[in-house]
Amino acid sequence: MHEINGMLSLFKPIGLDEMDNVQLMNRVDSKYVLSVGRISELLTRMDGEYRVLEINNYRNLPYTTTYLDTFE
């Protein structure tokens, strides 16, 4: 994970205050399962094209998704 955190530091950050100005209503989320080794490759290809959300100097934030068919 340390390598991923280092790679995330290469991206330009975006804060929650700036997110208010970003149009997110017309988006499609695609989720993929990757090995840790492939994540590094993917982040390398994305550099310069995307920004990373940064909150309180953290970029590798926990994220939880609940789907309609998720058991609680």
PDB file of N, CA and C in Angstrom:
ATOM      1  N   MET A   1       0.816  -1.204   0.000  1.00  0.00           N
ATOM      2  CA  MET A   1       0.000   0.000   0.000  1.00  0.00           C
ATOM      3  C   MET A   1       0.858   1.265   0.000  1.00  0.00           C
ATOM      4  N   HIS A   2       2.060   1.153   0.540  1.00  0.00           N
ATOM      5  CA  HIS A   2       2.930   2.331   0.583  1.00  0.00           C
ATOM      6  C   HIS A   2       3.227   2.841  -0.824  1.00  0.00           C
ATOM      7  N   GLU A   3       3.439   1.926  -1.754  1.00  0.00           N
ATOM      8  CA  GLU A   3       3.707   2.308  -3.148  1.00  0.00           C
ATOM      9  C   GLU A   3       2.512   3.047  -3.749  1.00  0.00           C
ATOM     10  N   ILE A   4       1.305   2.586  -3.446  1.00  0.00           N
ATOM     11  CA  ILE A   4       0.096   3.235  -3.960  1.00  0.00           C
ATOM     12  C   ILE A   4      -0.043   4.629  -3.388  1.00  0.00           C
ATOM     13  N   ASN A   5       0.220   4.790  -2.098  1.00  0.00           N
ATOM     14  CA  ASN A   5       0.156   6.121  -1.494  1.00  0.00           C
ATOM     15  C   ASN A   5       1.150   7.068  -2.160  1.00  0.00           C
ATOM     16  N   GLY A   6       2.334   6.568  -2.466  1.00  0.00           N
ATOM     17  CA  GLY A   6       3.326   7.391  -3.149  1.00  0.00           C
ATOM     18  C   GLY A   6       2.869   7.786  -4.539  1.00  0.00           C
ATOM     19  N   MET A   7       2.234   6.862  -5.241  1.00  0.00           N
ATOM     20  CA  MET A   7       1.748   7.166  -6.584  1.00  0.00           C
ATOM     21  C   MET A   7       0.597   8.169  -6.530  1.00  0.00           C
ATOM     22  N   LEU A   8      -0.257   8.061  -5.527  1.00  0.00           N
ATOM     23  CA  LEU A   8      -1.357   9.017  -5.397  1.00  0.00           C
ATOM     24  C   LEU A   8      -0.842  10.428  -5.147  1.00  0.00           C
ATOM     25  N   SER A   9       0.316  10.542  -4.517  1.00  0.00           N
ATOM     26  CA  SER A   9       0.879  11.862  -4.242  1.00  0.00           C
ATOM     27  C   SER A   9       1.331  12.568  -5.518  1.00  0.00           C
ATOM     28  N   LEU A  10       1.465  11.833  -6.637  1.00  0.00           N
ATOM     29  CA  LEU A  10       1.867  12.437  -7.907  1.00  0.00           C
ATOM     30  C   LEU A  10       0.712  13.136  -8.623  1.00  0.00           C
ATOM     31  N   PHE A  11      -0.523  12.810  -8.231  1.00  0.00           N
ATOM     32  CA  PHE A  11      -1.696  13.410  -8.855  1.00  0.00           C
ATOM     33  C   PHE A  11      -1.997  14.760  -8.224  1.00  0.00           C
ATOM     34  N   LYS A  12      -2.601  15.642  -9.004  1.00  0.00           N
ATOM     35  CA  LYS A  12      -3.067  16.908  -8.463  1.00  0.00           C
ATOM     36  C   LYS A  12      -4.231  16.628  -7.524  1.00  0.00           C
ATOM     37  N   PRO A  13      -4.260  17.289  -6.364  1.00  0.00           N
ATOM     38  CA  PRO A  13      -5.370  17.043  -5.449  1.00  0.00           C
ATOM     39  C   PRO A  13      -6.601  17.867  -5.821  1.00  0.00           C
ATOM     40  N   ILE A  14      -7.752  17.411  -5.349  1.00  0.00           N
ATOM     41  CA  ILE A  14      -8.976  18.194  -5.422  1.00  0.00           C
ATOM     42  C   ILE A  14      -9.634  18.070  -4.045  1.00  0.00           C
ATOM     43  N   GLY A  15     -10.092  19.191  -3.506  1.00  0.00           N
ATOM     44  CA  GLY A  15     -10.721  19.200  -2.192  1.00  0.00           C
ATOM     45  C   GLY A  15     -12.231  19.154  -2.294  1.00  0.00           C
ATOM     46  N   LEU A  16     -12.878  18.910  -1.163  1.00  0.00           N
ATOM     47  CA  LEU A  16     -14.333  18.848  -1.152  1.00  0.00           C
ATOM     48  C   LEU A  16     -14.963  20.161  -1.595  1.00  0.00           C
ATOM     49  N   ASP A  17     -14.326  21.284  -1.264  1.00  0.00           N
ATOM     50  CA  ASP A  17     -14.865  22.581  -1.672  1.00  0.00           C
ATOM     51  C   ASP A  17     -14.876  22.725  -3.198  1.00  0.00           C
ATOM     52  N   GLU A  18     -13.856  22.199  -3.853  1.00  0.00           N
ATOM     53  CA  GLU A  18     -13.806  22.251  -5.318  1.00  0.00           C
ATOM     54  C   GLU A  18     -14.774  21.258  -5.967  1.00  0.00           C
ATOM     55  N   MET A  19     -15.077  20.187  -5.261  1.00  0.00           N
ATOM     56  CA  MET A  19     -15.978  19.168  -5.803  1.00  0.00           C
ATOM     57  C   MET A  19     -17.372  19.742  -6.052  1.00  0.00           C
ATOM     58  N   ASP A  20     -17.739  20.789  -5.329  1.00  0.00           N
ATOM     59  CA  ASP A  20     -19.038  21.430  -5.546  1.00  0.00           C
ATOM     60  C   ASP A  20     -19.158  21.982  -6.962  1.00  0.00           C
ATOM     61  N   ASN A  21     -18.015  22.309  -7.570  1.00  0.00           N
ATOM     62  CA  ASN A  21     -18.011  22.884  -8.913  1.00  0.00           C
ATOM     63  C   ASN A  21     -17.872  21.841 -10.018  1.00  0.00           C
ATOM     64  N   VAL A  22     -17.736  20.577  -9.650  1.00  0.00           N
ATOM     65  CA  VAL A  22     -17.555  19.508 -10.619  1.00  0.00           C
ATOM     66  C   VAL A  22     -18.900  18.862 -10.898  1.00  0.00           C
ATOM     67  N   GLN A  23     -19.223  18.719 -12.160  1.00  0.00           N
ATOM     68  CA  GLN A  23     -20.487  18.102 -12.564  1.00  0.00           C
ATOM     69  C   GLN A  23     -20.380  16.591 -12.396  1.00  0.00           C
ATOM     70  N   LEU A  24     -21.112  16.041 -11.426  1.00  0.00           N
ATOM     71  CA  LEU A  24     -21.067  14.606 -11.184  1.00  0.00           C
ATOM     72  C   LEU A  24     -22.405  13.927 -11.463  1.00  0.00           C
ATOM     73  N   MET A  25     -23.383  14.664 -11.901  1.00  0.00           N
ATOM     74  CA  MET A  25     -24.706  14.091 -12.069  1.00  0.00           C
ATOM     75  C   MET A  25     -24.800  13.148 -13.265  1.00  0.00           C
ATOM     76  N   ASN A  26     -24.002  13.347 -14.284  1.00  0.00           N
ATOM     77  CA  ASN A  26     -24.043  12.499 -15.478  1.00  0.00           C
ATOM     78  C   ASN A  26     -22.799  11.620 -15.511  1.00  0.00           C
ATOM     79  N   ARG A  27     -22.724  10.710 -14.566  1.00  0.00           N
ATOM     80  CA  ARG A  27     -21.531   9.872 -14.511  1.00  0.00           C
ATOM     81  C   ARG A  27     -21.917   8.410 -14.507  1.00  0.00           C
ATOM     82  N   VAL A  28     -20.976   7.610 -14.884  1.00  0.00           N
ATOM     83  CA  VAL A  28     -21.128   6.164 -14.842  1.00  0.00           C
ATOM     84  C   VAL A  28     -19.972   5.632 -14.014  1.00  0.00           C
ATOM     85  N   ASP A  29     -20.285   4.873 -12.991  1.00  0.00           N
ATOM     86  CA  ASP A  29     -19.248   4.255 -12.172  1.00  0.00           C
ATOM     87  C   ASP A  29     -18.987   2.850 -12.675  1.00  0.00           C
ATOM     88  N   SER A  30     -17.734   2.566 -12.948  1.00  0.00           N
ATOM     89  CA  SER A  30     -17.324   1.213 -13.314  1.00  0.00           C
ATOM     90  C   SER A  30     -16.337   0.746 -12.267  1.00  0.00           C
ATOM     91  N   LYS A  31     -16.563  -0.424 -11.738  1.00  0.00           N
ATOM     92  CA  LYS A  31     -15.688  -0.949 -10.695  1.00  0.00           C
ATOM     93  C   LYS A  31     -15.053  -2.238 -11.187  1.00  0.00           C
ATOM     94  N   TYR A  32     -13.778  -2.402 -10.875  1.00  0.00           N
ATOM     95  CA  TYR A  32     -13.026  -3.564 -11.323  1.00  0.00           C
ATOM     96  C   TYR A  32     -12.240  -4.143 -10.150  1.00  0.00           C
ATOM     97  N   VAL A  33     -12.022  -5.421 -10.178  1.00  0.00           N
ATOM     98  CA  VAL A  33     -11.196  -6.087  -9.175  1.00  0.00           C
ATOM     99  C   VAL A  33      -9.812  -6.249  -9.783  1.00  0.00           C
ATOM    100  N   LEU A  34      -8.808  -5.708  -9.081  1.00  0.00           N
ATOM    101  CA  LEU A  34      -7.427  -5.765  -9.570  1.00  0.00           C
ATOM    102  C   LEU A  34      -6.505  -6.248  -8.468  1.00  0.00           C
ATOM    103  N   SER A  35      -5.428  -6.870  -8.850  1.00  0.00           N
ATOM    104  CA  SER A  35      -4.383  -7.189  -7.876  1.00  0.00           C
ATOM    105  C   SER A  35      -3.630  -5.903  -7.558  1.00  0.00           C
ATOM    106  N   VAL A  36      -2.947  -5.891  -6.446  1.00  0.00           N
ATOM    107  CA  VAL A  36      -2.204  -4.693  -6.045  1.00  0.00           C
ATOM    108  C   VAL A  36      -1.183  -4.305  -7.112  1.00  0.00           C
ATOM    109  N   GLY A  37      -0.544  -5.282  -7.721  1.00  0.00           N
ATOM    110  CA  GLY A  37       0.436  -4.997  -8.776  1.00  0.00           C
ATOM    111  C   GLY A  37      -0.170  -4.285  -9.971  1.00  0.00           C
ATOM    112  N   ARG A  38      -1.380  -4.617 -10.310  1.00  0.00           N
ATOM    113  CA  ARG A  38      -2.051  -3.979 -11.458  1.00  0.00           C
ATOM    114  C   ARG A  38      -2.507  -2.560 -11.117  1.00  0.00           C
ATOM    115  N   ILE A  39      -2.785  -2.293  -9.861  1.00  0.00           N
ATOM    116  CA  ILE A  39      -3.200  -0.938  -9.456  1.00  0.00           C
ATOM    117  C   ILE A  39      -2.090   0.056  -9.772  1.00  0.00           C
ATOM    118  N   SER A  40      -0.858  -0.312  -9.500  1.00  0.00           N
ATOM    119  CA  SER A  40       0.272   0.572  -9.809  1.00  0.00           C
ATOM    120  C   SER A  40       0.331   0.881 -11.298  1.00  0.00           C
ATOM    121  N   GLU A  41       0.134  -0.134 -12.115  1.00  0.00           N
ATOM    122  CA  GLU A  41       0.139   0.053 -13.572  1.00  0.00           C
ATOM    123  C   GLU A  41      -0.994   0.990 -13.998  1.00  0.00           C
ATOM    124  N   LEU A  42      -2.168   0.783 -13.446  1.00  0.00           N
ATOM    125  CA  LEU A  42      -3.317   1.613 -13.778  1.00  0.00           C
ATOM    126  C   LEU A  42      -3.088   3.069 -13.367  1.00  0.00           C
ATOM    127  N   LEU A  43      -2.591   3.286 -12.170  1.00  0.00           N
ATOM    128  CA  LEU A  43      -2.334   4.655 -11.706  1.00  0.00           C
ATOM    129  C   LEU A  43      -1.304   5.355 -12.587  1.00  0.00           C
ATOM    130  N   THR A  44      -0.311   4.626 -13.047  1.00  0.00           N
ATOM    131  CA  THR A  44       0.702   5.200 -13.939  1.00  0.00           C
ATOM    132  C   THR A  44       0.061   5.681 -15.235  1.00  0.00           C
ATOM    133  N   ARG A  45      -0.864   4.920 -15.774  1.00  0.00           N
ATOM    134  CA  ARG A  45      -1.539   5.305 -17.024  1.00  0.00           C
ATOM    135  C   ARG A  45      -2.491   6.481 -16.837  1.00  0.00           C
ATOM    136  N   MET A  46      -2.997   6.664 -15.630  1.00  0.00           N
ATOM    137  CA  MET A  46      -3.972   7.726 -15.364  1.00  0.00           C
ATOM    138  C   MET A  46      -3.327   9.063 -15.031  1.00  0.00           C
ATOM    139  N   ASP A  47      -2.053   9.096 -14.719  1.00  0.00           N
ATOM    140  CA  ASP A  47      -1.386  10.314 -14.288  1.00  0.00           C
ATOM    141  C   ASP A  47      -1.582  11.432 -15.296  1.00  0.00           C
ATOM    142  N   GLY A  48      -1.996  12.570 -14.811  1.00  0.00           N
ATOM    143  CA  GLY A  48      -2.219  13.733 -15.659  1.00  0.00           C
ATOM    144  C   GLY A  48      -3.634  13.850 -16.176  1.00  0.00           C
ATOM    145  N   GLU A  49      -4.400  12.773 -16.109  1.00  0.00           N
ATOM    146  CA  GLU A  49      -5.772  12.767 -16.619  1.00  0.00           C
ATOM    147  C   GLU A  49      -6.804  12.953 -15.510  1.00  0.00           C
ATOM    148  N   TYR A  50      -6.438  12.637 -14.286  1.00  0.00           N
ATOM    149  CA  TYR A  50      -7.378  12.653 -13.175  1.00  0.00           C
ATOM    150  C   TYR A  50      -6.786  13.396 -11.988  1.00  0.00           C
ATOM    151  N   ARG A  51      -7.663  13.791 -11.073  1.00  0.00           N
ATOM    152  CA  ARG A  51      -7.241  14.379  -9.812  1.00  0.00           C
ATOM    153  C   ARG A  51      -7.689  13.449  -8.693  1.00  0.00           C
ATOM    154  N   VAL A  52      -7.054  13.555  -7.542  1.00  0.00           N
ATOM    155  CA  VAL A  52      -7.356  12.680  -6.416  1.00  0.00           C
ATOM    156  C   VAL A  52      -7.954  13.500  -5.286  1.00  0.00           C
ATOM    157  N   LEU A  53      -9.085  13.027  -4.760  1.00  0.00           N
ATOM    158  CA  LEU A  53      -9.710  13.701  -3.636  1.00  0.00           C
ATOM    159  C   LEU A  53      -8.786  13.654  -2.435  1.00  0.00           C
ATOM    160  N   GLU A  54      -8.567  14.824  -1.825  1.00  0.00           N
ATOM    161  CA  GLU A  54      -7.718  14.931  -0.648  1.00  0.00           C
ATOM    162  C   GLU A  54      -8.508  15.590   0.464  1.00  0.00           C
ATOM    163  N   ILE A  55      -8.590  14.917   1.613  1.00  0.00           N
ATOM    164  CA  ILE A  55      -9.288  15.440   2.787  1.00  0.00           C
ATOM    165  C   ILE A  55      -8.339  15.357   3.969  1.00  0.00           C
ATOM    166  N   ASN A  56      -8.072  16.512   4.584  1.00  0.00           N
ATOM    167  CA  ASN A  56      -7.166  16.581   5.746  1.00  0.00           C
ATOM    168  C   ASN A  56      -5.814  15.927   5.455  1.00  0.00           C
ATOM    169  N   ASN A  57      -5.274  16.199   4.266  1.00  0.00           N
ATOM    170  CA  ASN A  57      -3.972  15.687   3.820  1.00  0.00           C
ATOM    171  C   ASN A  57      -3.954  14.182   3.574  1.00  0.00           C
ATOM    172  N   TYR A  58      -5.098  13.544   3.470  1.00  0.00           N
ATOM    173  CA  TYR A  58      -5.182  12.113   3.155  1.00  0.00           C
ATOM    174  C   TYR A  58      -5.784  11.929   1.770  1.00  0.00           C
ATOM    175  N   ARG A  59      -5.210  11.011   1.009  1.00  0.00           N
ATOM    176  CA  ARG A  59      -5.714  10.718  -0.337  1.00  0.00           C
ATOM    177  C   ARG A  59      -6.211   9.283  -0.465  1.00  0.00           C
ATOM    178  N   ASN A  60      -5.684   8.379   0.327  1.00  0.00           N
ATOM    179  CA  ASN A  60      -6.092   6.979   0.280  1.00  0.00           C
ATOM    180  C   ASN A  60      -7.167   6.787   1.348  1.00  0.00           C
ATOM    181  N   LEU A  61      -8.385   7.187   1.006  1.00  0.00           N
ATOM    182  CA  LEU A  61      -9.481   7.199   1.967  1.00  0.00           C
ATOM    183  C   LEU A  61     -10.308   5.914   1.878  1.00  0.00           C
ATOM    184  N   PRO A  62     -10.839   5.465   3.021  1.00  0.00           N
ATOM    185  CA  PRO A  62     -11.715   4.288   2.964  1.00  0.00           C
ATOM    186  C   PRO A  62     -13.007   4.620   2.226  1.00  0.00           C
ATOM    187  N   TYR A  63     -13.554   3.639   1.547  1.00  0.00           N
ATOM    188  CA  TYR A  63     -14.761   3.843   0.754  1.00  0.00           C
ATOM    189  C   TYR A  63     -15.613   2.591   0.860  1.00  0.00           C
ATOM    190  N   THR A  64     -16.886   2.773   1.166  1.00  0.00           N
ATOM    191  CA  THR A  64     -17.807   1.658   1.302  1.00  0.00           C
ATOM    192  C   THR A  64     -18.999   1.893   0.397  1.00  0.00           C
ATOM    193  N   THR A  65     -19.394   0.859  -0.324  1.00  0.00           N
ATOM    194  CA  THR A  65     -20.551   0.937  -1.203  1.00  0.00           C
ATOM    195  C   THR A  65     -21.568  -0.100  -0.760  1.00  0.00           C
ATOM    196  N   THR A  66     -22.821   0.293  -0.716  1.00  0.00           N
ATOM    197  CA  THR A  66     -23.901  -0.643  -0.430  1.00  0.00           C
ATOM    198  C   THR A  66     -24.783  -0.730  -1.658  1.00  0.00           C
ATOM    199  N   TYR A  67     -24.978  -1.934  -2.147  1.00  0.00           N
ATOM    200  CA  TYR A  67     -25.828  -2.156  -3.300  1.00  0.00           C
ATOM    201  C   TYR A  67     -27.185  -2.647  -2.825  1.00  0.00           C
ATOM    202  N   LEU A  68     -28.177  -2.568  -3.672  1.00  0.00           N
ATOM    203  CA  LEU A  68     -29.515  -2.995  -3.288  1.00  0.00           C
ATOM    204  C   LEU A  68     -29.566  -4.457  -2.892  1.00  0.00           C
ATOM    205  N   ASP A  69     -28.657  -5.255  -3.415  1.00  0.00           N
ATOM    206  CA  ASP A  69     -28.653  -6.676  -3.060  1.00  0.00           C
ATOM    207  C   ASP A  69     -27.585  -7.026  -2.035  1.00  0.00           C
ATOM    208  N   THR A  70     -26.995  -6.015  -1.377  1.00  0.00           N
ATOM    209  CA  THR A  70     -25.998  -6.245  -0.347  1.00  0.00           C
ATOM    210  C   THR A  70     -26.695  -6.654   0.954  1.00  0.00           C
ATOM    211  N   PHE A  71     -26.250  -7.743   1.555  1.00  0.00           N
ATOM    212  CA  PHE A  71     -26.803  -8.172   2.847  1.00  0.00           C
ATOM    213  C   PHE A  71     -26.236  -7.294   3.942  1.00  0.00           C
ATOM    214  N   GLU A  72     -27.092  -6.858   4.850  1.00  0.00           N
ATOM    215  CA  GLU A  72     -26.625  -6.019   5.970  1.00  0.00           C
ATOM    216  C   GLU A  72     -26.622  -6.783   7.259  1.00  0.00           C
TER     217      GLU A  72
END
